[in-house]
Amino acid sequence: MIISTTELSMAEAVEYVDKKDEQGAKAIAFIKKFTDTDVKNAKDMRKKLRELNMIKLNEQNITKIIDMLPENAEEINKILLSANLDEDETKKIIDIVKQFK
């Protein structure tokens, strides 16, 4: 039975994989191919993005940002098509992402 669901970035998902299991080790190796972010940085970035208190920035959008680590406004707008962020909001997000690269 599912009790609750939570958005997780790829880096955060590694915490929930059984590292002792062969399948878990394969899953972690697969995830590491797509992200260089570690769990601590992913959690810290999620916290800072939440602290922006942007109504347009929901948990799903934050997860996408952590996974993709956009470097400029164009990349953010491609990732967050429906968010329709203004220039100031985009700059704040980019500044946070740069802290964790």
PDB file of N, CA and C in Angstrom:
ATOM      1  N   MET A   1       0.843  -1.177   0.000  1.00  0.00           N
ATOM      2  CA  MET A   1       0.000   0.000   0.000  1.00  0.00           C
ATOM      3  C   MET A   1       0.892   1.245   0.000  1.00  0.00           C
ATOM      4  N   ILE A   2       0.562   2.192  -0.847  1.00  0.00           N
ATOM      5  CA  ILE A   2       1.288   3.454  -0.923  1.00  0.00           C
ATOM      6  C   ILE A   2       0.712   4.414   0.110  1.00  0.00           C
ATOM      7  N   ILE A   3       1.571   4.898   0.986  1.00  0.00           N
ATOM      8  CA  ILE A   3       1.140   5.815   2.039  1.00  0.00           C
ATOM      9  C   ILE A   3       1.257   7.256   1.566  1.00  0.00           C
ATOM     10  N   SER A   4       2.352   7.574   0.903  1.00  0.00           N
ATOM     11  CA  SER A   4       2.535   8.925   0.373  1.00  0.00           C
ATOM     12  C   SER A   4       3.540   8.888  -0.773  1.00  0.00           C
ATOM     13  N   THR A   5       3.557   9.945  -1.540  1.00  0.00           N
ATOM     14  CA  THR A   5       4.538  10.060  -2.621  1.00  0.00           C
ATOM     15  C   THR A   5       5.321  11.348  -2.431  1.00  0.00           C
ATOM     16  N   THR A   6       6.572  11.313  -2.847  1.00  0.00           N
ATOM     17  CA  THR A   6       7.446  12.468  -2.733  1.00  0.00           C
ATOM     18  C   THR A   6       8.286  12.556  -3.994  1.00  0.00           C
ATOM     19  N   GLU A   7       8.425  13.757  -4.518  1.00  0.00           N
ATOM     20  CA  GLU A   7       9.291  13.982  -5.667  1.00  0.00           C
ATOM     21  C   GLU A   7      10.739  13.810  -5.237  1.00  0.00           C
ATOM     22  N   LEU A   8      11.511  13.030  -5.993  1.00  0.00           N
ATOM     23  CA  LEU A   8      12.930  12.835  -5.713  1.00  0.00           C
ATOM     24  C   LEU A   8      13.741  13.064  -6.972  1.00  0.00           C
ATOM     25  N   SER A   9      14.860  13.715  -6.821  1.00  0.00           N
ATOM     26  CA  SER A   9      15.794  13.822  -7.942  1.00  0.00           C
ATOM     27  C   SER A   9      16.528  12.492  -8.055  1.00  0.00           C
ATOM     28  N   MET A  10      17.246  12.313  -9.145  1.00  0.00           N
ATOM     29  CA  MET A  10      18.011  11.075  -9.313  1.00  0.00           C
ATOM     30  C   MET A  10      19.018  10.906  -8.180  1.00  0.00           C
ATOM     31  N   ALA A  11      19.684  11.977  -7.798  1.00  0.00           N
ATOM     32  CA  ALA A  11      20.680  11.908  -6.730  1.00  0.00           C
ATOM     33  C   ALA A  11      20.036  11.499  -5.403  1.00  0.00           C
ATOM     34  N   GLU A  12      18.854  12.033  -5.126  1.00  0.00           N
ATOM     35  CA  GLU A  12      18.166  11.699  -3.879  1.00  0.00           C
ATOM     36  C   GLU A  12      17.648  10.266  -3.890  1.00  0.00           C
ATOM     37  N   ALA A  13      17.300   9.755  -5.060  1.00  0.00           N
ATOM     38  CA  ALA A  13      16.775   8.395  -5.174  1.00  0.00           C
ATOM     39  C   ALA A  13      17.812   7.352  -4.777  1.00  0.00           C
ATOM     40  N   VAL A  14      19.084   7.677  -4.941  1.00  0.00           N
ATOM     41  CA  VAL A  14      20.160   6.744  -4.599  1.00  0.00           C
ATOM     42  C   VAL A  14      20.073   6.324  -3.132  1.00  0.00           C
ATOM     43  N   GLU A  15      19.600   7.209  -2.275  1.00  0.00           N
ATOM     44  CA  GLU A  15      19.464   6.900  -0.846  1.00  0.00           C
ATOM     45  C   GLU A  15      18.537   5.713  -0.588  1.00  0.00           C
ATOM     46  N   TYR A  16      17.582   5.504  -1.467  1.00  0.00           N
ATOM     47  CA  TYR A  16      16.559   4.493  -1.250  1.00  0.00           C
ATOM     48  C   TYR A  16      16.846   3.176  -1.959  1.00  0.00           C
ATOM     49  N   VAL A  17      17.975   3.106  -2.615  1.00  0.00           N
ATOM     50  CA  VAL A  17      18.356   1.885  -3.328  1.00  0.00           C
ATOM     51  C   VAL A  17      19.224   1.035  -2.416  1.00  0.00           C
ATOM     52  N   ASP A  18      18.942  -0.272  -2.383  1.00  0.00           N
ATOM     53  CA  ASP A  18      19.728  -1.199  -1.564  1.00  0.00           C
ATOM     54  C   ASP A  18      21.093  -1.393  -2.216  1.00  0.00           C
ATOM     55  N   LYS A  19      22.112  -0.829  -1.616  1.00  0.00           N
ATOM     56  CA  LYS A  19      23.454  -0.842  -2.187  1.00  0.00           C
ATOM     57  C   LYS A  19      24.111  -2.226  -2.094  1.00  0.00           C
ATOM     58  N   LYS A  20      23.635  -3.065  -1.201  1.00  0.00           N
ATOM     59  CA  LYS A  20      24.208  -4.395  -1.012  1.00  0.00           C
ATOM     60  C   LYS A  20      23.697  -5.387  -2.059  1.00  0.00           C
ATOM     61  N   ASP A  21      22.556  -5.083  -2.620  1.00  0.00           N
ATOM     62  CA  ASP A  21      21.930  -5.942  -3.624  1.00  0.00           C
ATOM     63  C   ASP A  21      22.566  -5.702  -4.995  1.00  0.00           C
ATOM     64  N   GLU A  22      22.725  -6.756  -5.785  1.00  0.00           N
ATOM     65  CA  GLU A  22      23.339  -6.612  -7.115  1.00  0.00           C
ATOM     66  C   GLU A  22      22.506  -5.689  -8.013  1.00  0.00           C
ATOM     67  N   GLN A  23      21.197  -5.838  -7.958  1.00  0.00           N
ATOM     68  CA  GLN A  23      20.313  -4.983  -8.765  1.00  0.00           C
ATOM     69  C   GLN A  23      20.420  -3.528  -8.305  1.00  0.00           C
ATOM     70  N   GLY A  24      20.545  -3.331  -7.006  1.00  0.00           N
ATOM     71  CA  GLY A  24      20.701  -1.985  -6.463  1.00  0.00           C
ATOM     72  C   GLY A  24      21.989  -1.341  -6.941  1.00  0.00           C
ATOM     73  N   ALA A  25      23.050  -2.119  -6.964  1.00  0.00           N
ATOM     74  CA  ALA A  25      24.343  -1.607  -7.438  1.00  0.00           C
ATOM     75  C   ALA A  25      24.250  -1.217  -8.909  1.00  0.00           C
ATOM     76  N   LYS A  26      23.528  -2.015  -9.690  1.00  0.00           N
ATOM     77  CA  LYS A  26      23.335  -1.693 -11.108  1.00  0.00           C
ATOM     78  C   LYS A  26      22.503  -0.427 -11.271  1.00  0.00           C
ATOM     79  N   ALA A  27      21.489  -0.296 -10.424  1.00  0.00           N
ATOM     80  CA  ALA A  27      20.637   0.895 -10.483  1.00  0.00           C
ATOM     81  C   ALA A  27      21.436   2.153 -10.150  1.00  0.00           C
ATOM     82  N   ILE A  28      22.271   2.064  -9.143  1.00  0.00           N
ATOM     83  CA  ILE A  28      23.098   3.215  -8.754  1.00  0.00           C
ATOM     84  C   ILE A  28      24.078   3.568  -9.866  1.00  0.00           C
ATOM     85  N   ALA A  29      24.698   2.564 -10.464  1.00  0.00           N
ATOM     86  CA  ALA A  29      25.627   2.815 -11.577  1.00  0.00           C
ATOM     87  C   ALA A  29      24.900   3.489 -12.732  1.00  0.00           C
ATOM     88  N   PHE A  30      23.675   3.066 -12.992  1.00  0.00           N
ATOM     89  CA  PHE A  30      22.873   3.667 -14.063  1.00  0.00           C
ATOM     90  C   PHE A  30      22.560   5.128 -13.741  1.00  0.00           C
ATOM     91  N   ILE A  31      22.135   5.392 -12.523  1.00  0.00           N
ATOM     92  CA  ILE A  31      21.805   6.759 -12.112  1.00  0.00           C
ATOM     93  C   ILE A  31      23.035   7.657 -12.203  1.00  0.00           C
ATOM     94  N   LYS A  32      24.183   7.160 -11.794  1.00  0.00           N
ATOM     95  CA  LYS A  32      25.422   7.951 -11.803  1.00  0.00           C
ATOM     96  C   LYS A  32      25.834   8.366 -13.218  1.00  0.00           C
ATOM     97  N   LYS A  33      25.354   7.645 -14.237  1.00  0.00           N
ATOM     98  CA  LYS A  33      25.645   8.026 -15.626  1.00  0.00           C
ATOM     99  C   LYS A  33      24.956   9.339 -15.998  1.00  0.00           C
ATOM    100  N   PHE A  34      23.877   9.663 -15.292  1.00  0.00           N
ATOM    101  CA  PHE A  34      23.073  10.817 -15.652  1.00  0.00           C
ATOM    102  C   PHE A  34      23.183  11.992 -14.692  1.00  0.00           C
ATOM    103  N   THR A  35      23.825  11.789 -13.562  1.00  0.00           N
ATOM    104  CA  THR A  35      23.943  12.896 -12.614  1.00  0.00           C
ATOM    105  C   THR A  35      25.279  12.850 -11.877  1.00  0.00           C
ATOM    106  N   ASP A  36      25.859  14.018 -11.689  1.00  0.00           N
ATOM    107  CA  ASP A  36      27.087  14.139 -10.913  1.00  0.00           C
ATOM    108  C   ASP A  36      26.795  14.686  -9.520  1.00  0.00           C
ATOM    109  N   THR A  37      25.548  15.052  -9.286  1.00  0.00           N
ATOM    110  CA  THR A  37      25.154  15.642  -8.017  1.00  0.00           C
ATOM    111  C   THR A  37      25.074  14.563  -6.943  1.00  0.00           C
ATOM    112  N   ASP A  38      25.596  14.868  -5.761  1.00  0.00           N
ATOM    113  CA  ASP A  38      25.466  13.904  -4.672  1.00  0.00           C
ATOM    114  C   ASP A  38      24.212  14.221  -3.855  1.00  0.00           C
ATOM    115  N   VAL A  39      23.867  13.319  -2.959  1.00  0.00           N
ATOM    116  CA  VAL A  39      22.627  13.437  -2.187  1.00  0.00           C
ATOM    117  C   VAL A  39      22.590  14.722  -1.369  1.00  0.00           C
ATOM    118  N   LYS A  40      23.687  15.044  -0.701  1.00  0.00           N
ATOM    119  CA  LYS A  40      23.719  16.240   0.149  1.00  0.00           C
ATOM    120  C   LYS A  40      23.475  17.504  -0.671  1.00  0.00           C
ATOM    121  N   ASN A  41      24.162  17.624  -1.802  1.00  0.00           N
ATOM    122  CA  ASN A  41      23.975  18.806  -2.647  1.00  0.00           C
ATOM    123  C   ASN A  41      22.555  18.880  -3.200  1.00  0.00           C
ATOM    124  N   ALA A  42      22.004  17.748  -3.570  1.00  0.00           N
ATOM    125  CA  ALA A  42      20.638  17.725  -4.092  1.00  0.00           C
ATOM    126  C   ALA A  42      19.649  18.207  -3.027  1.00  0.00           C
ATOM    127  N   LYS A  43      19.817  17.725  -1.810  1.00  0.00           N
ATOM    128  CA  LYS A  43      18.922  18.147  -0.721  1.00  0.00           C
ATOM    129  C   LYS A  43      19.103  19.629  -0.392  1.00  0.00           C
ATOM    130  N   ASP A  44      20.354  20.075  -0.371  1.00  0.00           N
ATOM    131  CA  ASP A  44      20.616  21.494  -0.091  1.00  0.00           C
ATOM    132  C   ASP A  44      20.037  22.386  -1.186  1.00  0.00           C
ATOM    133  N   MET A  45      20.182  21.961  -2.438  1.00  0.00           N
ATOM    134  CA  MET A  45      19.639  22.747  -3.543  1.00  0.00           C
ATOM    135  C   MET A  45      18.113  22.788  -3.464  1.00  0.00           C
ATOM    136  N   ARG A  46      17.482  21.643  -3.161  1.00  0.00           N
ATOM    137  CA  ARG A  46      16.024  21.601  -3.017  1.00  0.00           C
ATOM    138  C   ARG A  46      15.587  22.581  -1.932  1.00  0.00           C
ATOM    139  N   LYS A  47      16.301  22.600  -0.805  1.00  0.00           N
ATOM    140  CA  LYS A  47      15.958  23.500   0.303  1.00  0.00           C
ATOM    141  C   LYS A  47      16.048  24.964  -0.132  1.00  0.00           C
ATOM    142  N   LYS A  48      17.133  25.329  -0.826  1.00  0.00           N
ATOM    143  CA  LYS A  48      17.307  26.722  -1.260  1.00  0.00           C
ATOM    144  C   LYS A  48      16.258  27.117  -2.300  1.00  0.00           C
ATOM    145  N   LEU A  49      15.923  26.197  -3.197  1.00  0.00           N
ATOM    146  CA  LEU A  49      14.896  26.503  -4.199  1.00  0.00           C
ATOM    147  C   LEU A  49      13.531  26.668  -3.536  1.00  0.00           C
ATOM    148  N   ARG A  50      13.243  25.861  -2.539  1.00  0.00           N
ATOM    149  CA  ARG A  50      11.984  26.016  -1.791  1.00  0.00           C
ATOM    150  C   ARG A  50      11.939  27.362  -1.076  1.00  0.00           C
ATOM    151  N   GLU A  51      13.086  27.784  -0.539  1.00  0.00           N
ATOM    152  CA  GLU A  51      13.148  29.042   0.211  1.00  0.00           C
ATOM    153  C   GLU A  51      12.865  30.262  -0.661  1.00  0.00           C
ATOM    154  N   LEU A  52      12.917  30.104  -1.980  1.00  0.00           N
ATOM    155  CA  LEU A  52      12.565  31.218  -2.869  1.00  0.00           C
ATOM    156  C   LEU A  52      11.084  31.557  -2.768  1.00  0.00           C
ATOM    157  N   ASN A  53      10.294  30.608  -2.295  1.00  0.00           N
ATOM    158  CA  ASN A  53       8.842  30.796  -2.124  1.00  0.00           C
ATOM    159  C   ASN A  53       8.161  31.282  -3.398  1.00  0.00           C
ATOM    160  N   MET A  54       8.536  30.704  -4.515  1.00  0.00           N
ATOM    161  CA  MET A  54       7.904  31.042  -5.790  1.00  0.00           C
ATOM    162  C   MET A  54       6.689  30.151  -5.994  1.00  0.00           C
ATOM    163  N   ILE A  55       5.552  30.766  -6.196  1.00  0.00           N
ATOM    164  CA  ILE A  55       4.323  30.000  -6.428  1.00  0.00           C
ATOM    165  C   ILE A  55       4.451  29.149  -7.691  1.00  0.00           C
ATOM    166  N   LYS A  56       5.157  29.656  -8.683  1.00  0.00           N
ATOM    167  CA  LYS A  56       5.304  28.968  -9.963  1.00  0.00           C
ATOM    168  C   LYS A  56       6.240  27.773  -9.883  1.00  0.00           C
ATOM    169  N   LEU A  57       6.992  27.656  -8.820  1.00  0.00           N
ATOM    170  CA  LEU A  57       8.012  26.620  -8.677  1.00  0.00           C
ATOM    171  C   LEU A  57       7.514  25.528  -7.735  1.00  0.00           C
ATOM    172  N   ASN A  58       6.927  24.472  -8.304  1.00  0.00           N
ATOM    173  CA  ASN A  58       6.424  23.371  -7.485  1.00  0.00           C
ATOM    174  C   ASN A  58       7.494  22.293  -7.318  1.00  0.00           C
ATOM    175  N   GLU A  59       7.194  21.253  -6.560  1.00  0.00           N
ATOM    176  CA  GLU A  59       8.171  20.193  -6.270  1.00  0.00           C
ATOM    177  C   GLU A  59       8.646  19.484  -7.535  1.00  0.00           C
ATOM    178  N   GLN A  60       7.754  19.293  -8.472  1.00  0.00           N
ATOM    179  CA  GLN A  60       8.139  18.642  -9.728  1.00  0.00           C
ATOM    180  C   GLN A  60       9.142  19.513 -10.490  1.00  0.00           C
ATOM    181  N   ASN A  61       8.901  20.805 -10.528  1.00  0.00           N
ATOM    182  CA  ASN A  61       9.828  21.723 -11.195  1.00  0.00           C
ATOM    183  C   ASN A  61      11.182  21.758 -10.498  1.00  0.00           C
ATOM    184  N   ILE A  62      11.169  21.754  -9.175  1.00  0.00           N
ATOM    185  CA  ILE A  62      12.415  21.757  -8.414  1.00  0.00           C
ATOM    186  C   ILE A  62      13.214  20.494  -8.722  1.00  0.00           C
ATOM    187  N   THR A  63      12.538  19.359  -8.790  1.00  0.00           N
ATOM    188  CA  THR A  63      13.205  18.097  -9.111  1.00  0.00           C
ATOM    189  C   THR A  63      13.837  18.152 -10.496  1.00  0.00           C
ATOM    190  N   LYS A  64      13.132  18.711 -11.459  1.00  0.00           N
ATOM    191  CA  LYS A  64      13.683  18.845 -12.810  1.00  0.00           C
ATOM    192  C   LYS A  64      14.940  19.711 -12.809  1.00  0.00           C
ATOM    193  N   ILE A  65      14.908  20.783 -12.050  1.00  0.00           N
ATOM    194  CA  ILE A  65      16.065  21.682 -11.964  1.00  0.00           C
ATOM    195  C   ILE A  65      17.264  20.936 -11.372  1.00  0.00           C
ATOM    196  N   ILE A  66      17.040  20.182 -10.310  1.00  0.00           N
ATOM    197  CA  ILE A  66      18.126  19.439  -9.671  1.00  0.00           C
ATOM    198  C   ILE A  66      18.703  18.393 -10.627  1.00  0.00           C
ATOM    199  N   ASP A  67      17.839  17.716 -11.361  1.00  0.00           N
ATOM    200  CA  ASP A  67      18.301  16.682 -12.286  1.00  0.00           C
ATOM    201  C   ASP A  67      19.026  17.253 -13.504  1.00  0.00           C
ATOM    202  N   MET A  68      18.548  18.377 -14.019  1.00  0.00           N
ATOM    203  CA  MET A  68      19.087  18.921 -15.266  1.00  0.00           C
ATOM    204  C   MET A  68      20.178  19.973 -15.068  1.00  0.00           C
ATOM    205  N   LEU A  69      20.202  20.630 -13.922  1.00  0.00           N
ATOM    206  CA  LEU A  69      21.174  21.692 -13.611  1.00  0.00           C
ATOM    207  C   LEU A  69      21.317  22.696 -14.758  1.00  0.00           C
ATOM    208  N   PRO A  70      20.232  23.409 -15.070  1.00  0.00           N
ATOM    209  CA  PRO A  70      20.282  24.382 -16.170  1.00  0.00           C
ATOM    210  C   PRO A  70      21.269  25.510 -15.881  1.00  0.00           C
ATOM    211  N   GLU A  71      21.946  25.967 -16.934  1.00  0.00           N
ATOM    212  CA  GLU A  71      22.989  26.985 -16.771  1.00  0.00           C
ATOM    213  C   GLU A  71      22.558  28.375 -17.190  1.00  0.00           C
ATOM    214  N   ASN A  72      21.445  28.497 -17.903  1.00  0.00           N
ATOM    215  CA  ASN A  72      21.017  29.813 -18.364  1.00  0.00           C
ATOM    216  C   ASN A  72      19.491  29.871 -18.473  1.00  0.00           C
ATOM    217  N   ALA A  73      18.990  31.061 -18.756  1.00  0.00           N
ATOM    218  CA  ALA A  73      17.548  31.287 -18.810  1.00  0.00           C
ATOM    219  C   ALA A  73      16.878  30.437 -19.886  1.00  0.00           C
ATOM    220  N   GLU A  74      17.537  30.275 -21.006  1.00  0.00           N
ATOM    221  CA  GLU A  74      16.968  29.484 -22.102  1.00  0.00           C
ATOM    222  C   GLU A  74      16.741  28.036 -21.659  1.00  0.00           C
ATOM    223  N   GLU A  75      17.715  27.459 -20.977  1.00  0.00           N
ATOM    224  CA  GLU A  75      17.579  26.081 -20.506  1.00  0.00           C
ATOM    225  C   GLU A  75      16.474  25.958 -19.464  1.00  0.00           C
ATOM    226  N   ILE A  76      16.373  26.923 -18.562  1.00  0.00           N
ATOM    227  CA  ILE A  76      15.312  26.895 -17.552  1.00  0.00           C
ATOM    228  C   ILE A  76      13.945  26.970 -18.220  1.00  0.00           C
ATOM    229  N   ASN A  77      13.803  27.853 -19.195  1.00  0.00           N
ATOM    230  CA  ASN A  77      12.516  27.992 -19.876  1.00  0.00           C
ATOM    231  C   ASN A  77      12.141  26.739 -20.663  1.00  0.00           C
ATOM    232  N   LYS A  78      13.124  26.017 -21.174  1.00  0.00           N
ATOM    233  CA  LYS A  78      12.851  24.761 -21.866  1.00  0.00           C
ATOM    234  C   LYS A  78      12.405  23.680 -20.884  1.00  0.00           C
ATOM    235  N   ILE A  79      13.017  23.652 -19.717  1.00  0.00           N
ATOM    236  CA  ILE A  79      12.686  22.648 -18.707  1.00  0.00           C
ATOM    237  C   ILE A  79      11.325  22.935 -18.067  1.00  0.00           C
ATOM    238  N   LEU A  80      11.075  24.198 -17.782  1.00  0.00           N
ATOM    239  CA  LEU A  80       9.859  24.604 -17.065  1.00  0.00           C
ATOM    240  C   LEU A  80       8.907  25.360 -17.984  1.00  0.00           C
ATOM    241  N   LEU A  81       8.458  24.717 -19.035  1.00  0.00           N
ATOM    242  CA  LEU A  81       7.605  25.367 -20.027  1.00  0.00           C
ATOM    243  C   LEU A  81       6.360  26.007 -19.418  1.00  0.00           C
ATOM    244  N   SER A  82       5.693  25.296 -18.538  1.00  0.00           N
ATOM    245  CA  SER A  82       4.425  25.785 -18.003  1.00  0.00           C
ATOM    246  C   SER A  82       4.592  26.797 -16.869  1.00  0.00           C
ATOM    247  N   ALA A  83       5.791  26.945 -16.326  1.00  0.00           N
ATOM    248  CA  ALA A  83       5.987  27.841 -15.184  1.00  0.00           C
ATOM    249  C   ALA A  83       5.928  29.314 -15.580  1.00  0.00           C
ATOM    250  N   ASN A  84       6.359  29.652 -16.788  1.00  0.00           N
ATOM    251  CA  ASN A  84       6.309  31.024 -17.284  1.00  0.00           C
ATOM    252  C   ASN A  84       6.992  31.998 -16.311  1.00  0.00           C
ATOM    253  N   LEU A  85       8.267  31.749 -16.049  1.00  0.00           N
ATOM    254  CA  LEU A  85       9.033  32.557 -15.102  1.00  0.00           C
ATOM    255  C   LEU A  85       9.465  33.880 -15.714  1.00  0.00           C
ATOM    256  N   ASP A  86       9.531  34.922 -14.884  1.00  0.00           N
ATOM    257  CA  ASP A  86      10.049  36.197 -15.379  1.00  0.00           C
ATOM    258  C   ASP A  86      11.579  36.203 -15.229  1.00  0.00           C
ATOM    259  N   GLU A  87      12.213  37.260 -15.692  1.00  0.00           N
ATOM    260  CA  GLU A  87      13.672  37.352 -15.718  1.00  0.00           C
ATOM    261  C   GLU A  87      14.287  37.265 -14.318  1.00  0.00           C
ATOM    262  N   ASP A  88      13.680  37.946 -13.361  1.00  0.00           N
ATOM    263  CA  ASP A  88      14.192  37.950 -11.994  1.00  0.00           C
ATOM    264  C   ASP A  88      14.119  36.559 -11.362  1.00  0.00           C
ATOM    265  N   GLU A  89      13.005  35.877 -11.553  1.00  0.00           N
ATOM    266  CA  GLU A  89      12.840  34.531 -11.005  1.00  0.00           C
ATOM    267  C   GLU A  89      13.859  33.566 -11.622  1.00  0.00           C
ATOM    268  N   THR A  90      14.045  33.688 -12.917  1.00  0.00           N
ATOM    269  CA  THR A  90      15.004  32.844 -13.623  1.00  0.00           C
ATOM    270  C   THR A  90      16.414  33.082 -13.099  1.00  0.00           C
ATOM    271  N   LYS A  91      16.775  34.337 -12.881  1.00  0.00           N
ATOM    272  CA  LYS A  91      18.114  34.669 -12.377  1.00  0.00           C
ATOM    273  C   LYS A  91      18.344  34.071 -10.992  1.00  0.00           C
ATOM    274  N   LYS A  92      17.344  34.129 -10.139  1.00  0.00           N
ATOM    275  CA  LYS A  92      17.470  33.567  -8.793  1.00  0.00           C
ATOM    276  C   LYS A  92      17.721  32.064  -8.850  1.00  0.00           C
ATOM    277  N   ILE A  93      17.027  31.381  -9.741  1.00  0.00           N
ATOM    278  CA  ILE A  93      17.210  29.940  -9.892  1.00  0.00           C
ATOM    279  C   ILE A  93      18.622  29.629 -10.408  1.00  0.00           C
ATOM    280  N   ILE A  94      19.055  30.366 -11.400  1.00  0.00           N
ATOM    281  CA  ILE A  94      20.396  30.162 -11.974  1.00  0.00           C
ATOM    282  C   ILE A  94      21.463  30.384 -10.906  1.00  0.00           C
ATOM    283  N   ASP A  95      21.298  31.408 -10.083  1.00  0.00           N
ATOM    284  CA  ASP A  95      22.265  31.689  -9.022  1.00  0.00           C
ATOM    285  C   ASP A  95      22.377  30.519  -8.043  1.00  0.00           C
ATOM    286  N   ILE A  96      21.251  29.902  -7.716  1.00  0.00           N
ATOM    287  CA  ILE A  96      21.264  28.759  -6.801  1.00  0.00           C
ATOM    288  C   ILE A  96      21.946  27.559  -7.468  1.00  0.00           C
ATOM    289  N   VAL A  97      21.611  27.293  -8.709  1.00  0.00           N
ATOM    290  CA  VAL A  97      22.207  26.151  -9.413  1.00  0.00           C
ATOM    291  C   VAL A  97      23.724  26.310  -9.500  1.00  0.00           C
ATOM    292  N   LYS A  98      24.190  27.528  -9.760  1.00  0.00           N
ATOM    293  CA  LYS A  98      25.642  27.778  -9.871  1.00  0.00           C
ATOM    294  C   LYS A  98      26.374  27.457  -8.562  1.00  0.00           C
ATOM    295  N   GLN A  99      25.705  27.624  -7.437  1.00  0.00           N
ATOM    296  CA  GLN A  99      26.324  27.326  -6.142  1.00  0.00           C
ATOM    297  C   GLN A  99      26.652  25.838  -5.987  1.00  0.00           C
ATOM    298  N   PHE A 100      25.945  24.998  -6.732  1.00  0.00           N
ATOM    299  CA  PHE A 100      26.088  23.549  -6.556  1.00  0.00           C
ATOM    300  C   PHE A 100      26.764  22.845  -7.727  1.00  0.00           C
ATOM    301  N   LYS A 101      27.278  23.605  -8.672  1.00  0.00           N
ATOM    302  CA  LYS A 101      27.959  22.991  -9.818  1.00  0.00           C
ATOM    303  C   LYS A 101      29.425  22.855  -9.555  1.00  0.00           C
TER     304      LYS A 101
END
